[in-house]
N, C-alpha and C. Protein backbone atom coordinates (compact mmCIF):
# COMPACT_ATOMS: atom_id res chain seq x y z
N MET A 1 4.13 13.39 24.70
CA MET A 1 4.73 13.33 23.31
C MET A 1 6.07 13.63 23.34
N ALA A 2 6.87 14.36 24.09
CA ALA A 2 8.21 14.61 23.80
C ALA A 2 9.03 13.20 24.05
N ALA A 3 8.73 12.67 25.57
CA ALA A 3 9.25 11.62 25.80
C ALA A 3 9.35 10.54 24.27
N ILE A 4 8.04 10.26 23.72
CA ILE A 4 7.93 9.49 22.77
C ILE A 4 8.93 9.55 21.61
N THR A 5 9.08 10.65 21.04
CA THR A 5 9.74 11.24 19.75
C THR A 5 10.98 11.11 19.99
N LYS A 6 11.61 10.80 21.54
CA LYS A 6 13.15 10.64 21.56
C LYS A 6 13.39 9.41 21.25
N SER A 7 12.70 8.54 20.89
CA SER A 7 13.01 7.17 20.84
C SER A 7 12.75 6.98 19.61
N PRO A 8 14.19 6.54 18.79
CA PRO A 8 13.93 6.52 17.26
C PRO A 8 13.20 5.09 16.93
N PHE A 9 13.31 4.07 17.95
CA PHE A 9 12.19 2.94 17.86
C PHE A 9 11.28 3.08 17.76
N LEU A 10 10.51 3.95 18.83
CA LEU A 10 9.47 4.24 18.49
C LEU A 10 8.96 5.26 17.37
N LEU A 11 9.74 5.40 16.97
CA LEU A 11 9.17 6.77 15.79
C LEU A 11 9.44 5.44 14.64
N LEU A 12 10.41 4.83 15.10
CA LEU A 12 10.23 4.15 13.11
C LEU A 12 9.03 2.88 13.60
N ILE A 13 8.57 2.65 14.24
CA ILE A 13 7.52 1.80 14.79
C ILE A 13 5.98 2.89 14.00
N ILE A 14 6.01 4.16 14.83
CA ILE A 14 5.03 5.13 13.74
C ILE A 14 5.09 5.39 12.44
N THR A 15 6.37 5.27 12.05
CA THR A 15 6.35 5.62 10.55
C THR A 15 5.96 4.18 9.61
N LEU A 16 6.15 3.15 10.56
CA LEU A 16 5.48 1.73 9.92
C LEU A 16 4.52 2.00 9.96
N ALA A 17 3.55 1.62 10.97
CA ALA A 17 2.23 2.02 11.50
C ALA A 17 1.68 2.96 10.42
N ALA A 18 2.00 3.88 9.95
CA ALA A 18 1.64 4.72 8.98
C ALA A 18 1.54 4.72 7.43
N THR A 19 2.65 3.73 7.37
CA THR A 19 2.67 3.09 5.89
C THR A 19 1.94 2.09 5.48
N THR A 20 1.47 1.20 6.74
CA THR A 20 0.38 0.59 6.14
C THR A 20 -0.82 0.88 6.13
N LEU A 21 -1.13 2.23 5.95
CA LEU A 21 -2.52 2.53 5.60
C LEU A 21 -2.74 3.02 4.34
N ALA A 22 -1.24 3.10 3.67
CA ALA A 22 -1.62 2.65 1.87
C ALA A 22 -2.19 2.01 1.13
N ALA A 23 -2.83 2.37 0.12
CA ALA A 23 -3.83 1.51 -0.32
C ALA A 23 -3.29 0.06 -1.12
N ASP A 24 -1.67 0.69 -1.82
CA ASP A 24 -0.95 -0.58 -2.09
C ASP A 24 0.47 -0.27 -1.97
N PRO A 25 1.12 -1.61 -1.74
CA PRO A 25 2.36 -1.73 -1.35
C PRO A 25 3.32 -0.58 -2.68
N ASP A 26 4.45 -0.67 -2.01
CA ASP A 26 5.36 0.06 -3.51
C ASP A 26 5.86 -0.92 -3.87
N LEU A 27 6.45 -0.66 -4.99
CA LEU A 27 6.86 -1.46 -5.86
C LEU A 27 7.93 -1.97 -5.93
N LEU A 28 8.68 -3.02 -6.22
CA LEU A 28 9.85 -3.28 -6.30
C LEU A 28 10.63 -3.65 -7.37
N GLN A 29 10.41 -3.16 -8.40
CA GLN A 29 10.78 -3.47 -9.53
C GLN A 29 10.28 -2.40 -10.55
N ASP A 30 11.21 -2.17 -11.60
CA ASP A 30 10.85 -1.08 -12.55
C ASP A 30 9.01 -1.39 -13.13
N ILE A 31 8.97 -2.66 -13.83
CA ILE A 31 7.51 -3.26 -13.85
C ILE A 31 7.07 -4.62 -13.55
N CYS A 32 5.96 -4.83 -13.22
CA CYS A 32 5.58 -6.33 -13.18
C CYS A 32 4.43 -6.51 -13.48
N VAL A 33 4.45 -6.36 -14.98
CA VAL A 33 2.85 -6.63 -15.75
C VAL A 33 2.12 -7.99 -15.05
N ALA A 34 0.82 -7.77 -15.06
CA ALA A 34 0.29 -8.84 -14.78
C ALA A 34 -0.27 -10.18 -15.16
N ASP A 35 0.23 -11.01 -14.73
CA ASP A 35 0.17 -12.23 -15.67
C ASP A 35 -1.62 -12.57 -15.42
N LEU A 36 -2.47 -12.32 -16.24
CA LEU A 36 -3.78 -12.60 -15.46
C LEU A 36 -4.15 -14.17 -15.63
N ASN A 37 -3.48 -14.71 -16.65
CA ASN A 37 -3.49 -15.99 -16.44
C ASN A 37 -3.25 -17.23 -15.58
N SER A 38 -2.57 -16.52 -14.49
CA SER A 38 -1.58 -17.80 -13.55
C SER A 38 -2.94 -18.20 -12.70
N THR A 39 -2.12 -19.17 -11.65
CA THR A 39 -3.09 -19.83 -10.90
C THR A 39 -2.45 -19.44 -9.78
N LEU A 40 -1.18 -19.23 -10.07
CA LEU A 40 -0.30 -18.54 -8.58
C LEU A 40 -1.54 -17.55 -7.66
N LYS A 41 -1.65 -17.90 -6.19
CA LYS A 41 -2.56 -16.54 -5.80
C LYS A 41 -1.48 -15.69 -4.75
N VAL A 42 -1.41 -14.65 -5.22
CA VAL A 42 -0.75 -13.80 -3.88
C VAL A 42 -1.63 -12.50 -3.78
N ASN A 43 -0.74 -11.03 -3.16
CA ASN A 43 -1.55 -10.16 -2.87
C ASN A 43 -1.50 -9.31 -4.21
N GLY A 44 -2.33 -9.36 -5.21
CA GLY A 44 -2.21 -8.78 -6.40
C GLY A 44 -2.30 -9.87 -7.66
N PHE A 45 -1.10 -9.65 -8.49
CA PHE A 45 -0.73 -10.55 -9.40
C PHE A 45 0.55 -11.34 -10.07
N PRO A 46 0.98 -11.99 -9.98
CA PRO A 46 1.92 -12.52 -10.54
C PRO A 46 2.65 -12.03 -11.23
N CYS A 47 3.88 -12.02 -12.03
CA CYS A 47 4.40 -10.98 -13.11
C CYS A 47 4.91 -11.81 -14.23
N LYS A 48 4.71 -11.21 -15.32
CA LYS A 48 4.81 -12.01 -16.65
C LYS A 48 6.42 -12.17 -16.69
N PRO A 49 7.25 -13.09 -17.42
CA PRO A 49 8.27 -12.72 -17.92
C PRO A 49 8.89 -11.92 -18.72
N SER A 50 9.79 -11.21 -18.19
CA SER A 50 10.13 -10.15 -19.02
C SER A 50 10.26 -9.85 -20.52
N ALA A 51 10.16 -11.44 -21.20
CA ALA A 51 10.46 -11.44 -22.67
C ALA A 51 9.23 -11.58 -23.26
N ALA A 52 8.09 -11.58 -22.36
CA ALA A 52 6.43 -11.58 -23.03
C ALA A 52 5.73 -10.62 -22.45
N VAL A 53 6.89 -9.45 -22.14
CA VAL A 53 6.07 -7.78 -22.04
C VAL A 53 5.67 -7.10 -23.30
N THR A 54 4.61 -6.96 -23.70
CA THR A 54 4.26 -5.99 -24.93
C THR A 54 4.41 -4.74 -24.85
N PRO A 55 4.09 -3.54 -25.76
CA PRO A 55 3.76 -2.34 -24.95
C PRO A 55 1.99 -2.30 -24.83
N ASP A 56 1.29 -3.11 -25.42
CA ASP A 56 -0.09 -3.23 -25.39
C ASP A 56 -0.44 -3.66 -23.71
N ASP A 57 0.81 -4.39 -23.14
CA ASP A 57 0.06 -4.46 -21.69
C ASP A 57 0.05 -3.01 -20.92
N PHE A 58 0.32 -2.26 -21.60
CA PHE A 58 0.60 -0.58 -20.61
C PHE A 58 -0.58 0.17 -21.64
N PHE A 59 -1.56 -0.43 -22.29
CA PHE A 59 -2.42 0.60 -23.42
C PHE A 59 -4.04 -0.12 -22.78
N PHE A 60 -4.82 0.87 -22.97
CA PHE A 60 -6.30 0.94 -22.91
C PHE A 60 -7.03 1.78 -24.05
N LYS A 61 -7.89 1.64 -24.34
CA LYS A 61 -8.20 2.79 -25.10
C LYS A 61 -10.48 2.90 -24.89
N GLY A 62 -10.15 1.76 -24.04
CA GLY A 62 -11.65 1.53 -23.46
C GLY A 62 -12.30 2.84 -22.85
N ILE A 63 -11.82 3.58 -21.93
CA ILE A 63 -12.47 4.68 -21.80
C ILE A 63 -12.67 6.30 -22.60
N ALA A 64 -12.19 5.97 -24.12
CA ALA A 64 -12.00 7.13 -24.85
C ALA A 64 -13.69 7.13 -25.74
N ALA A 65 -14.59 6.95 -25.49
CA ALA A 65 -15.96 7.09 -25.52
C ALA A 65 -16.89 6.62 -24.68
N PRO A 66 -18.22 7.46 -24.59
CA PRO A 66 -19.13 6.91 -24.09
C PRO A 66 -19.52 5.54 -24.02
N ALA A 67 -19.89 5.22 -23.15
CA ALA A 67 -20.54 3.74 -22.93
C ALA A 67 -21.96 4.01 -22.68
N ALA A 68 -22.92 2.66 -22.86
CA ALA A 68 -24.19 2.45 -23.20
C ALA A 68 -24.78 2.79 -21.36
N THR A 69 -25.78 3.62 -21.25
CA THR A 69 -26.27 3.55 -20.64
C THR A 69 -27.82 3.42 -20.45
N ASN A 70 -28.11 2.38 -21.16
CA ASN A 70 -29.65 2.09 -21.72
C ASN A 70 -29.77 0.63 -20.29
N ASN A 71 -29.51 1.26 -19.24
CA ASN A 71 -29.87 0.17 -17.82
C ASN A 71 -31.05 0.41 -17.45
N THR A 72 -31.25 -0.23 -16.27
CA THR A 72 -31.92 0.19 -15.20
C THR A 72 -31.64 1.54 -14.60
N LEU A 73 -30.43 1.78 -14.16
CA LEU A 73 -29.65 2.95 -12.97
C LEU A 73 -29.63 3.99 -13.73
N GLY A 74 -29.50 3.68 -14.96
CA GLY A 74 -29.18 4.96 -16.12
C GLY A 74 -27.37 4.93 -15.67
N SER A 75 -26.61 4.22 -15.44
CA SER A 75 -25.40 5.00 -15.24
C SER A 75 -24.57 3.42 -15.72
N ILE A 76 -23.00 3.71 -16.21
CA ILE A 76 -22.37 2.68 -16.69
C ILE A 76 -20.57 2.95 -16.43
N VAL A 77 -20.03 1.80 -15.42
CA VAL A 77 -18.73 2.62 -15.32
C VAL A 77 -17.75 1.72 -16.07
N THR A 78 -16.88 1.94 -16.89
CA THR A 78 -15.67 1.43 -17.40
C THR A 78 -14.63 1.44 -16.51
N ALA A 79 -14.02 0.43 -16.52
CA ALA A 79 -13.12 0.33 -15.30
C ALA A 79 -11.63 0.27 -16.25
N ALA A 80 -10.45 1.40 -16.09
CA ALA A 80 -9.23 1.09 -16.89
C ALA A 80 -8.36 0.87 -15.66
N ASN A 81 -8.24 -0.92 -14.89
CA ASN A 81 -7.36 -1.01 -13.79
C ASN A 81 -6.67 -2.36 -14.18
N VAL A 82 -6.64 -2.77 -13.17
CA VAL A 82 -5.13 -3.46 -13.79
C VAL A 82 -5.67 -5.34 -14.52
N GLU A 83 -7.01 -5.33 -14.65
CA GLU A 83 -7.50 -6.71 -15.44
C GLU A 83 -7.81 -6.18 -16.44
N LYS A 84 -7.49 -4.70 -17.29
CA LYS A 84 -7.58 -4.29 -18.05
C LYS A 84 -6.57 -4.04 -18.79
N ILE A 85 -5.59 -3.26 -17.93
CA ILE A 85 -4.03 -2.85 -18.01
C ILE A 85 -3.20 -3.64 -17.35
N PRO A 86 -2.58 -4.55 -17.84
CA PRO A 86 -2.06 -5.54 -16.95
C PRO A 86 -0.49 -4.88 -16.60
N GLY A 87 -0.05 -3.85 -16.82
CA GLY A 87 1.20 -2.90 -16.77
C GLY A 87 1.01 -2.45 -15.56
N LEU A 88 -0.38 -1.73 -14.68
CA LEU A 88 -0.72 -1.59 -13.82
C LEU A 88 -0.23 -2.21 -12.47
N ASN A 89 0.10 -3.24 -12.58
CA ASN A 89 0.72 -4.21 -11.69
C ASN A 89 1.70 -3.65 -10.70
N THR A 90 1.42 -3.94 -9.37
CA THR A 90 2.22 -2.99 -8.51
C THR A 90 2.22 -1.34 -8.39
N LEU A 91 1.54 -0.99 -9.22
CA LEU A 91 1.90 0.69 -9.67
C LEU A 91 0.70 1.31 -8.49
N GLY A 92 0.17 0.81 -7.70
CA GLY A 92 -0.97 1.43 -7.09
C GLY A 92 -1.50 2.38 -7.40
N VAL A 93 -2.02 2.63 -9.20
CA VAL A 93 -3.49 3.32 -9.47
C VAL A 93 -3.76 2.82 -10.64
N SER A 94 -5.38 3.50 -10.61
CA SER A 94 -5.92 3.10 -11.91
C SER A 94 -7.00 4.20 -11.86
N MET A 95 -7.73 3.95 -13.44
CA MET A 95 -8.87 5.14 -13.29
C MET A 95 -10.30 4.12 -13.77
N SER A 96 -11.34 4.75 -13.90
CA SER A 96 -12.49 4.84 -14.68
C SER A 96 -13.17 6.05 -15.27
N ARG A 97 -14.16 5.47 -16.57
CA ARG A 97 -14.72 6.23 -16.69
C ARG A 97 -16.58 6.10 -16.27
N ILE A 98 -17.08 6.95 -15.78
CA ILE A 98 -18.52 6.69 -15.75
C ILE A 98 -19.60 7.86 -16.35
N ASP A 99 -20.39 7.21 -17.04
CA ASP A 99 -21.19 8.06 -17.99
C ASP A 99 -22.43 7.47 -17.46
N TYR A 100 -23.34 8.46 -17.29
CA TYR A 100 -24.99 8.89 -16.64
C TYR A 100 -25.93 9.37 -17.70
N ALA A 101 -26.79 8.77 -17.58
CA ALA A 101 -27.79 9.23 -18.66
C ALA A 101 -28.71 10.28 -17.71
N PRO A 102 -29.63 10.90 -18.44
CA PRO A 102 -30.42 11.91 -17.63
C PRO A 102 -31.00 11.24 -16.87
N LYS A 103 -31.15 12.04 -15.70
CA LYS A 103 -31.81 11.39 -14.42
C LYS A 103 -30.90 9.56 -13.56
N GLY A 104 -29.70 9.26 -14.50
CA GLY A 104 -29.25 8.70 -14.08
C GLY A 104 -28.40 8.29 -12.66
N LEU A 105 -28.58 7.15 -12.11
CA LEU A 105 -27.67 7.30 -11.18
C LEU A 105 -26.51 6.07 -10.84
N ASN A 106 -25.30 6.65 -10.30
CA ASN A 106 -24.54 5.61 -9.68
C ASN A 106 -24.95 5.10 -8.36
N PRO A 107 -25.27 4.15 -7.95
CA PRO A 107 -26.22 4.30 -6.53
C PRO A 107 -24.77 4.04 -5.38
N PRO A 108 -25.74 4.11 -4.52
CA PRO A 108 -24.39 4.25 -3.05
C PRO A 108 -23.33 2.82 -2.92
N HIS A 109 -22.34 3.14 -2.96
CA HIS A 109 -21.23 2.32 -3.06
C HIS A 109 -20.08 2.51 -2.34
N THR A 110 -19.13 1.01 -2.39
CA THR A 110 -17.68 1.79 -1.46
C THR A 110 -16.65 1.00 -2.27
N HIS A 111 -15.50 1.57 -1.92
CA HIS A 111 -14.40 0.99 -2.70
C HIS A 111 -13.46 0.87 -1.22
N PRO A 112 -13.48 -0.77 -1.21
CA PRO A 112 -12.64 -0.94 0.16
C PRO A 112 -11.04 -0.77 -0.25
N ARG A 113 -10.66 -0.41 -1.12
CA ARG A 113 -9.36 -0.62 -1.29
C ARG A 113 -8.73 0.93 -1.58
N ALA A 114 -9.74 2.05 -1.71
CA ALA A 114 -9.24 2.97 -2.66
C ALA A 114 -9.81 4.47 -2.30
N THR A 115 -9.14 5.57 -2.33
CA THR A 115 -9.72 7.01 -2.45
C THR A 115 -10.22 7.20 -3.65
N GLU A 116 -11.27 7.73 -3.86
CA GLU A 116 -11.49 8.38 -5.44
C GLU A 116 -11.50 9.50 -6.00
N LEU A 117 -11.22 10.19 -6.97
CA LEU A 117 -11.16 11.26 -7.01
C LEU A 117 -11.72 11.59 -8.56
N VAL A 118 -13.19 12.08 -8.87
CA VAL A 118 -13.34 11.95 -9.86
C VAL A 118 -13.22 13.61 -10.52
N PHE A 119 -13.36 13.86 -11.78
CA PHE A 119 -13.11 15.15 -12.67
C PHE A 119 -14.21 15.02 -13.40
N VAL A 120 -15.13 16.09 -13.73
CA VAL A 120 -16.11 15.96 -14.14
C VAL A 120 -15.88 16.76 -16.11
N LEU A 121 -16.27 14.99 -16.56
CA LEU A 121 -15.92 15.56 -18.19
C LEU A 121 -16.99 16.65 -18.79
N TYR A 122 -18.17 16.45 -18.76
CA TYR A 122 -19.50 17.41 -18.97
C TYR A 122 -20.45 16.55 -18.03
N GLY A 123 -21.56 17.90 -17.98
CA GLY A 123 -22.77 17.57 -17.62
C GLY A 123 -22.82 18.44 -16.07
N THR A 124 -23.59 17.84 -15.45
CA THR A 124 -23.53 18.15 -13.78
C THR A 124 -24.35 17.01 -12.93
N LEU A 125 -23.65 16.67 -11.72
CA LEU A 125 -23.90 15.79 -10.72
C LEU A 125 -24.04 16.31 -9.47
N ASP A 126 -24.88 15.65 -8.73
CA ASP A 126 -24.80 15.90 -7.12
C ASP A 126 -24.11 14.70 -7.41
N VAL A 127 -23.15 14.68 -5.72
CA VAL A 127 -22.40 14.09 -5.53
C VAL A 127 -22.31 13.87 -4.16
N GLY A 128 -22.20 12.87 -3.49
CA GLY A 128 -22.07 13.08 -2.14
C GLY A 128 -21.57 11.67 -1.24
N PHE A 129 -20.88 11.74 -0.25
CA PHE A 129 -20.32 10.49 0.71
C PHE A 129 -20.95 10.84 2.11
N ILE A 130 -20.96 9.76 2.66
CA ILE A 130 -21.50 9.49 4.32
C ILE A 130 -20.21 9.14 5.30
N THR A 131 -19.95 9.78 6.16
CA THR A 131 -18.87 9.43 7.37
C THR A 131 -19.22 8.30 7.94
N THR A 132 -18.60 7.51 9.08
CA THR A 132 -18.98 7.22 9.84
C THR A 132 -19.56 7.06 10.96
N ALA A 133 -20.17 8.46 11.17
CA ALA A 133 -20.84 9.59 11.65
C ALA A 133 -21.88 9.60 11.45
N ASN A 134 -22.66 9.00 10.44
CA ASN A 134 -23.48 9.26 9.98
C ASN A 134 -23.92 10.70 8.82
N LYS A 135 -22.74 11.50 8.94
CA LYS A 135 -23.17 12.99 8.47
C LYS A 135 -22.89 12.82 6.65
N LEU A 136 -23.76 13.62 6.28
CA LEU A 136 -23.55 13.57 4.53
C LEU A 136 -22.96 14.42 4.20
N VAL A 137 -21.86 14.28 3.14
CA VAL A 137 -21.26 15.46 3.09
C VAL A 137 -21.42 15.58 1.09
N THR A 138 -22.19 16.76 0.61
CA THR A 138 -22.85 16.37 -0.39
C THR A 138 -22.52 17.75 -1.07
N LYS A 139 -22.56 18.13 -2.89
CA LYS A 139 -22.10 19.12 -3.29
C LYS A 139 -22.66 18.49 -4.87
N ARG A 140 -22.78 20.08 -5.60
CA ARG A 140 -23.36 19.83 -7.11
C ARG A 140 -22.12 20.22 -7.60
N ILE A 141 -21.51 19.59 -8.98
CA ILE A 141 -20.03 19.55 -9.49
C ILE A 141 -20.70 19.59 -10.86
N THR A 142 -19.84 20.62 -11.80
CA THR A 142 -20.20 20.77 -12.84
C THR A 142 -18.71 20.52 -13.78
N GLN A 143 -18.91 20.73 -14.98
CA GLN A 143 -17.79 20.31 -16.26
C GLN A 143 -16.37 21.22 -15.45
N GLY A 144 -15.27 19.82 -15.44
CA GLY A 144 -13.87 20.75 -14.92
C GLY A 144 -13.74 20.62 -13.97
N GLU A 145 -14.71 20.38 -12.55
CA GLU A 145 -14.60 20.10 -11.37
C GLU A 145 -14.33 18.82 -10.84
N ASN A 146 -13.70 18.74 -9.53
CA ASN A 146 -13.27 17.54 -8.78
C ASN A 146 -14.17 17.34 -7.76
N PHE A 147 -13.97 16.09 -6.84
CA PHE A 147 -14.70 15.92 -6.27
C PHE A 147 -13.64 14.25 -5.42
N VAL A 148 -13.41 14.67 -4.17
CA VAL A 148 -13.29 13.57 -3.36
C VAL A 148 -14.15 12.43 -2.67
N PHE A 149 -14.03 11.52 -2.73
CA PHE A 149 -14.71 10.49 -1.89
C PHE A 149 -13.51 9.34 -1.06
N PRO A 150 -13.22 9.75 0.16
CA PRO A 150 -12.21 8.98 1.04
C PRO A 150 -12.86 7.58 0.92
N ARG A 151 -11.64 6.91 1.21
CA ARG A 151 -11.52 5.65 1.20
C ARG A 151 -12.28 4.34 1.60
N GLY A 152 -13.30 3.79 1.41
CA GLY A 152 -14.01 2.81 2.24
C GLY A 152 -15.46 3.48 2.51
N LEU A 153 -15.73 5.03 2.13
CA LEU A 153 -16.89 5.62 2.57
C LEU A 153 -17.80 5.29 2.11
N VAL A 154 -18.92 4.91 2.08
CA VAL A 154 -20.16 4.75 1.29
C VAL A 154 -20.44 6.34 0.34
N HIS A 155 -20.56 6.11 -1.08
CA HIS A 155 -21.13 7.56 -1.72
C HIS A 155 -21.67 7.16 -3.09
N PHE A 156 -22.00 8.41 -3.59
CA PHE A 156 -22.94 7.76 -4.81
C PHE A 156 -22.59 9.51 -5.70
N GLN A 157 -23.71 9.05 -7.05
CA GLN A 157 -23.56 10.46 -8.09
C GLN A 157 -24.76 10.31 -8.63
N LYS A 158 -25.59 11.21 -8.57
CA LYS A 158 -26.85 11.27 -9.39
C LYS A 158 -26.89 12.48 -10.63
N ASN A 159 -27.31 12.23 -11.19
CA ASN A 159 -27.27 13.12 -12.40
C ASN A 159 -29.03 13.43 -12.08
N ASN A 160 -29.42 14.79 -12.24
CA ASN A 160 -30.53 15.10 -11.91
C ASN A 160 -30.84 16.37 -12.93
N GLU A 161 -29.57 15.85 -13.92
CA GLU A 161 -30.35 17.02 -15.50
C GLU A 161 -31.08 16.46 -16.03
N ASP A 162 -31.80 16.75 -17.18
CA ASP A 162 -31.96 16.35 -18.54
C ASP A 162 -31.04 16.04 -19.75
N LYS A 163 -29.81 16.57 -19.51
CA LYS A 163 -28.98 15.92 -20.43
C LYS A 163 -27.75 15.01 -19.84
N PRO A 164 -27.11 14.26 -20.66
CA PRO A 164 -26.40 13.18 -20.22
C PRO A 164 -25.03 13.83 -19.44
N ALA A 165 -24.17 13.25 -18.81
CA ALA A 165 -23.11 14.05 -17.75
C ALA A 165 -21.94 12.34 -18.02
N ALA A 166 -20.83 12.57 -17.54
CA ALA A 166 -19.64 11.60 -17.38
C ALA A 166 -18.60 12.45 -16.41
N VAL A 167 -17.87 11.48 -15.83
CA VAL A 167 -16.56 11.90 -15.50
C VAL A 167 -15.35 10.97 -15.61
N ILE A 168 -14.54 11.22 -15.07
CA ILE A 168 -12.81 10.68 -15.17
C ILE A 168 -12.76 10.46 -13.71
N ALA A 169 -12.62 9.14 -13.31
CA ALA A 169 -12.50 8.62 -11.76
C ALA A 169 -10.66 8.38 -11.39
N ALA A 170 -10.15 8.49 -10.61
CA ALA A 170 -9.18 8.35 -10.60
C ALA A 170 -8.89 7.27 -8.89
N PHE A 171 -8.02 6.00 -8.94
CA PHE A 171 -8.32 5.69 -7.64
C PHE A 171 -6.46 5.32 -7.01
N ASN A 172 -5.97 5.51 -6.04
CA ASN A 172 -4.53 5.18 -5.44
C ASN A 172 -4.73 3.51 -4.93
N SER A 173 -5.05 2.58 -6.26
CA SER A 173 -5.14 1.30 -5.91
C SER A 173 -5.22 0.84 -7.56
N GLN A 174 -4.73 0.15 -7.75
CA GLN A 174 -4.54 -1.03 -9.20
C GLN A 174 -5.87 -1.75 -9.14
N LEU A 175 -6.75 -1.89 -8.32
CA LEU A 175 -7.98 -2.48 -8.14
C LEU A 175 -8.93 -2.61 -7.22
N PRO A 176 -9.49 -0.89 -6.62
CA PRO A 176 -10.27 -0.59 -5.78
C PRO A 176 -11.17 -1.53 -5.14
N GLY A 177 -11.45 -2.28 -6.36
CA GLY A 177 -12.99 -3.01 -6.04
C GLY A 177 -14.07 -2.20 -5.80
N THR A 178 -15.26 -2.55 -5.83
CA THR A 178 -16.65 -1.94 -5.53
C THR A 178 -17.62 -2.60 -4.87
N GLN A 179 -18.24 -2.28 -3.94
CA GLN A 179 -19.39 -3.33 -3.43
C GLN A 179 -20.43 -2.43 -3.77
N ALA A 180 -21.48 -2.09 -4.42
CA ALA A 180 -22.80 -1.59 -4.32
C ALA A 180 -23.45 -2.14 -2.90
N ILE A 181 -23.71 -1.00 -2.14
CA ILE A 181 -24.77 -1.79 -0.89
C ILE A 181 -26.19 -2.54 -1.30
N ALA A 182 -26.77 -2.08 -1.99
CA ALA A 182 -27.94 -2.84 -2.25
C ALA A 182 -27.84 -3.84 -2.59
N ALA A 183 -26.98 -4.19 -3.97
CA ALA A 183 -26.61 -5.40 -5.08
C ALA A 183 -26.12 -6.24 -3.22
N ALA A 184 -25.17 -5.71 -2.72
CA ALA A 184 -24.55 -6.51 -2.02
C ALA A 184 -25.36 -7.13 -0.97
N LEU A 185 -26.61 -6.35 -0.02
CA LEU A 185 -27.46 -7.17 1.08
C LEU A 185 -28.71 -7.49 0.32
N PHE A 186 -29.11 -7.29 -0.65
CA PHE A 186 -30.57 -8.30 -1.37
C PHE A 186 -30.09 -8.89 -2.53
N GLY A 187 -29.25 -8.74 -3.08
CA GLY A 187 -28.73 -9.65 -4.32
C GLY A 187 -27.12 -10.77 -3.73
N SER A 188 -26.74 -10.61 -2.47
CA SER A 188 -25.77 -12.02 -2.48
C SER A 188 -26.53 -13.13 -2.62
N SER A 189 -25.05 -14.05 -3.10
CA SER A 189 -25.42 -15.62 -2.91
C SER A 189 -24.12 -15.90 -2.18
N PRO A 190 -25.39 -17.31 -1.12
CA PRO A 190 -26.25 -17.40 -0.83
C PRO A 190 -27.06 -15.63 0.05
N ALA A 191 -28.17 -15.52 -0.26
CA ALA A 191 -28.74 -14.69 0.23
C ALA A 191 -28.65 -14.53 1.61
N VAL A 192 -28.88 -13.09 2.09
CA VAL A 192 -28.78 -12.65 3.25
C VAL A 192 -30.51 -13.14 3.93
N PRO A 193 -30.40 -13.75 5.17
CA PRO A 193 -31.62 -13.85 5.63
C PRO A 193 -32.67 -13.19 5.38
N ASP A 194 -33.80 -13.03 5.33
CA ASP A 194 -34.60 -12.59 5.25
C ASP A 194 -34.93 -11.84 6.49
N ASN A 195 -34.76 -12.59 7.68
CA ASN A 195 -35.16 -11.57 9.30
C ASN A 195 -34.07 -11.27 9.46
N VAL A 196 -32.89 -11.06 8.63
CA VAL A 196 -31.60 -10.18 8.83
C VAL A 196 -31.87 -8.59 8.23
N LEU A 197 -32.36 -8.86 6.98
CA LEU A 197 -33.22 -7.56 6.30
C LEU A 197 -34.32 -7.04 6.87
N THR A 198 -35.15 -7.87 7.26
CA THR A 198 -36.34 -7.23 7.84
C THR A 198 -36.18 -6.21 8.84
N LYS A 199 -35.62 -6.74 9.91
CA LYS A 199 -34.94 -6.28 11.24
C LYS A 199 -34.04 -4.77 10.87
N ALA A 200 -33.21 -5.19 10.12
CA ALA A 200 -32.16 -3.72 9.99
C ALA A 200 -32.98 -2.86 9.27
N PHE A 201 -34.23 -3.23 8.12
CA PHE A 201 -34.59 -2.08 7.22
C PHE A 201 -35.99 -1.64 7.74
N GLN A 202 -36.43 -2.47 8.92
CA GLN A 202 -37.57 -2.00 9.74
C GLN A 202 -38.62 -2.28 8.41
N ILE A 203 -38.74 -3.50 7.82
CA ILE A 203 -39.66 -3.78 6.52
C ILE A 203 -40.09 -5.26 6.75
N GLY A 204 -41.48 -5.11 6.07
CA GLY A 204 -41.78 -6.99 6.14
C GLY A 204 -40.95 -7.47 4.81
N THR A 205 -41.15 -8.96 5.40
CA THR A 205 -40.75 -9.75 4.40
C THR A 205 -41.06 -9.72 3.07
N LYS A 206 -42.44 -9.72 2.41
CA LYS A 206 -42.74 -8.94 1.25
C LYS A 206 -41.96 -8.11 0.43
N GLU A 207 -41.53 -7.10 1.05
CA GLU A 207 -40.69 -5.98 0.78
C GLU A 207 -39.21 -6.15 0.49
N VAL A 208 -39.11 -7.32 1.39
CA VAL A 208 -37.64 -8.07 1.59
C VAL A 208 -37.45 -9.03 -0.05
N GLU A 209 -38.48 -9.77 -0.12
CA GLU A 209 -38.18 -10.41 -1.47
C GLU A 209 -38.73 -9.75 -2.43
N LYS A 210 -39.81 -8.71 -2.75
CA LYS A 210 -39.52 -7.70 -3.94
C LYS A 210 -38.27 -7.52 -4.31
N ILE A 211 -37.43 -6.91 -3.49
CA ILE A 211 -36.13 -5.87 -3.25
C ILE A 211 -35.44 -7.19 -4.21
N LYS A 212 -35.06 -8.22 -3.74
CA LYS A 212 -34.19 -9.00 -3.82
C LYS A 212 -34.81 -10.22 -5.13
N SER A 213 -35.84 -9.70 -5.58
CA SER A 213 -35.89 -10.21 -6.99
C SER A 213 -35.45 -9.24 -7.96
N ARG A 214 -35.81 -8.15 -7.67
CA ARG A 214 -35.29 -6.88 -8.15
C ARG A 214 -33.38 -7.27 -8.75
N LEU A 215 -33.02 -7.20 -7.67
CA LEU A 215 -31.76 -7.45 -7.58
C LEU A 215 -30.83 -9.04 -7.47
N ALA A 216 -31.44 -9.94 -7.41
CA ALA A 216 -31.03 -10.92 -7.75
C ALA A 216 -29.87 -11.11 -9.22
N PRO A 217 -28.64 -11.89 -8.61
CA PRO A 217 -27.84 -12.43 -9.76
C PRO A 217 -28.41 -13.13 -10.88
N LYS A 218 -27.81 -12.31 -12.30
CA LYS A 218 -28.41 -12.95 -13.40
C LYS A 218 -27.91 -14.09 -13.55
N SER A 219 -28.31 -15.50 -13.86
CA SER A 219 -28.09 -16.77 -14.10
C SER A 219 -27.78 -16.58 -15.43
């Protein structure tokens, strides 16, 4: 290791490799308000002309109040990302509010582009993530407490109480992305072949079709 650290070139390569692990690249100007209507394809969003920027590009009130949780899972995510706040473009941060009905679940999912840090507004949740060694890291958290879900790992939050709960989630990406495990496998379009799912989950075709019918994309 001593020989490696004596080489400035190798140190530079190591440093550059480490920086590639960041969720979003560093910004190259003061602001780059996303032009959400542009057809230009880039890794992110192109910038609006400066003359077209307004204060509302940096404003969003959508997570101020609870959202309706009257759905099958009993939870709802309200995102405050670059698609809602164009001024977040290139800044590498975003937030969400997650509301849970009594017994509600935010099902197992991943964020491929961000680590998530939640802060409990009210209520109590049982939360956890699963490492690539299949170790479950779980904790019960309540009002005023935080919990971290590492980038890319499968995680969940469950309200096992008889009253509502809510969290604010922070992400180190302007658009962290969410992939719900069950919906991805059983509700994709085109569908994942039945013989893949029956073998992976060790269940029969009837069970696969039953799950698919419940998670099929709404037309």
